[in-house]
Amino acid sequence: MLNAKVFANATATVMVIFYIVCVLLSYISSDLLFNLAQSWIHTLNLEVARTTFTPNLGSMFFGLVTAVGLTWVTTYGTISSYNKWAK
């Protein structure tokens, strides 16, 4: 059995790191970040969605909290369901 709380904490920590790297990339090299996203979405042209908006501290914090929260809840729910069904 996996410990759902510990696993969710670990996954949320990794999400924090990914989020911080993403924010740094948006400031340092927004073109690299855009091209990376475009390479993941093969059949859609993201050029129309491209923006010159630079995120402010409030929007970055809100994004961090919601992304990490959703990651934690999703991981906890997945592991709890796995443990229940694995019995």
Protein backbone atom coordinates (compact mmCIF):
# COMPACT_ATOMS: atom_id res chain seq x y z
CA MET A 1 0.00 0.00 0.00
CA LEU A 2 1.15 3.50 -0.78
CA ASN A 3 0.82 6.32 1.74
CA ALA A 4 -1.47 8.73 -0.12
CA LYS A 5 -0.53 11.79 1.96
CA VAL A 6 3.22 11.28 1.58
CA PHE A 7 2.90 10.56 -2.14
CA ALA A 8 0.72 13.66 -2.65
CA ASN A 9 3.25 15.79 -0.76
CA ALA A 10 6.09 14.50 -2.91
CA THR A 11 4.17 15.09 -6.14
CA ALA A 12 3.15 18.58 -5.05
CA THR A 13 6.80 19.38 -4.30
CA VAL A 14 7.80 18.34 -7.81
CA MET A 15 4.98 20.53 -9.18
CA VAL A 16 6.34 23.52 -7.24
CA ILE A 17 9.72 23.01 -8.91
CA PHE A 18 8.15 22.68 -12.38
CA TYR A 19 6.05 25.79 -11.80
CA ILE A 20 9.01 27.88 -10.68
CA VAL A 21 11.06 26.75 -13.69
CA CYS A 22 8.15 27.64 -15.97
CA VAL A 23 7.80 31.12 -14.44
CA LEU A 24 11.53 31.72 -14.77
CA LEU A 25 11.41 30.63 -18.41
CA SER A 26 8.52 33.01 -19.07
CA TYR A 27 10.74 35.89 -17.92
CA ILE A 28 14.06 34.71 -19.34
CA SER A 29 12.98 33.20 -22.65
CA SER A 30 9.30 33.41 -23.45
CA ASP A 31 10.01 32.28 -27.03
CA LEU A 32 11.57 29.04 -25.76
CA LEU A 33 8.56 28.43 -23.53
CA PHE A 34 6.16 29.13 -26.41
CA ASN A 35 8.05 26.85 -28.78
CA LEU A 36 8.07 24.09 -26.16
CA ALA A 37 4.30 24.36 -25.77
CA GLN A 38 3.84 24.39 -29.55
CA SER A 39 5.91 21.20 -29.86
CA TRP A 40 3.59 19.44 -27.40
CA ILE A 41 0.43 20.45 -29.27
CA HIS A 42 1.20 19.21 -32.77
CA THR A 43 -1.93 20.00 -34.72
CA LEU A 44 -2.92 23.36 -33.24
CA ASN A 45 -1.42 26.71 -34.08
CA LEU A 46 -0.80 28.48 -30.80
CA GLU A 47 0.36 31.65 -32.51
CA VAL A 48 -3.09 33.23 -32.15
CA ALA A 49 -2.93 32.63 -28.40
CA ARG A 50 0.50 34.18 -28.02
CA THR A 51 0.56 37.11 -25.65
CA THR A 52 2.95 39.78 -24.53
CA PHE A 53 1.46 39.69 -21.01
CA THR A 54 4.09 39.44 -18.31
CA PRO A 55 2.66 37.76 -15.23
CA ASN A 56 2.68 39.79 -12.04
CA LEU A 57 3.49 38.47 -8.58
CA GLY A 58 -0.19 38.05 -7.66
CA SER A 59 -1.08 35.98 -10.71
CA MET A 60 2.05 33.85 -10.29
CA PHE A 61 1.22 33.14 -6.65
CA PHE A 62 -2.40 32.31 -7.51
CA GLY A 63 -1.22 30.00 -10.29
CA LEU A 64 1.26 28.30 -7.97
CA VAL A 65 -1.33 27.72 -5.25
CA THR A 66 -3.98 26.37 -7.64
CA ALA A 67 -1.57 24.17 -9.62
CA VAL A 68 -0.01 22.68 -6.50
CA GLY A 69 -3.39 22.28 -4.80
CA LEU A 70 -4.89 20.49 -7.79
CA THR A 71 -1.80 18.29 -8.08
CA TRP A 72 -2.02 17.35 -4.39
CA VAL A 73 -5.76 16.59 -4.46
CA THR A 74 -5.50 14.59 -7.69
CA THR A 75 -2.54 12.55 -6.44
CA TYR A 76 -4.13 11.92 -3.05
CA GLY A 77 -7.38 10.82 -4.69
CA THR A 78 -5.58 8.58 -7.16
CA ILE A 79 -3.46 6.85 -4.51
CA SER A 80 -6.42 6.47 -2.13
CA SER A 81 -8.48 4.89 -4.91
CA TYR A 82 -5.59 2.64 -5.88
CA ASN A 83 -5.15 1.46 -2.29
CA LYS A 84 -8.88 0.81 -1.95
CA TRP A 85 -9.13 -1.16 -5.19
CA ALA A 86 -5.87 -3.06 -4.63
CA LYS A 87 -7.22 -4.73 -1.51
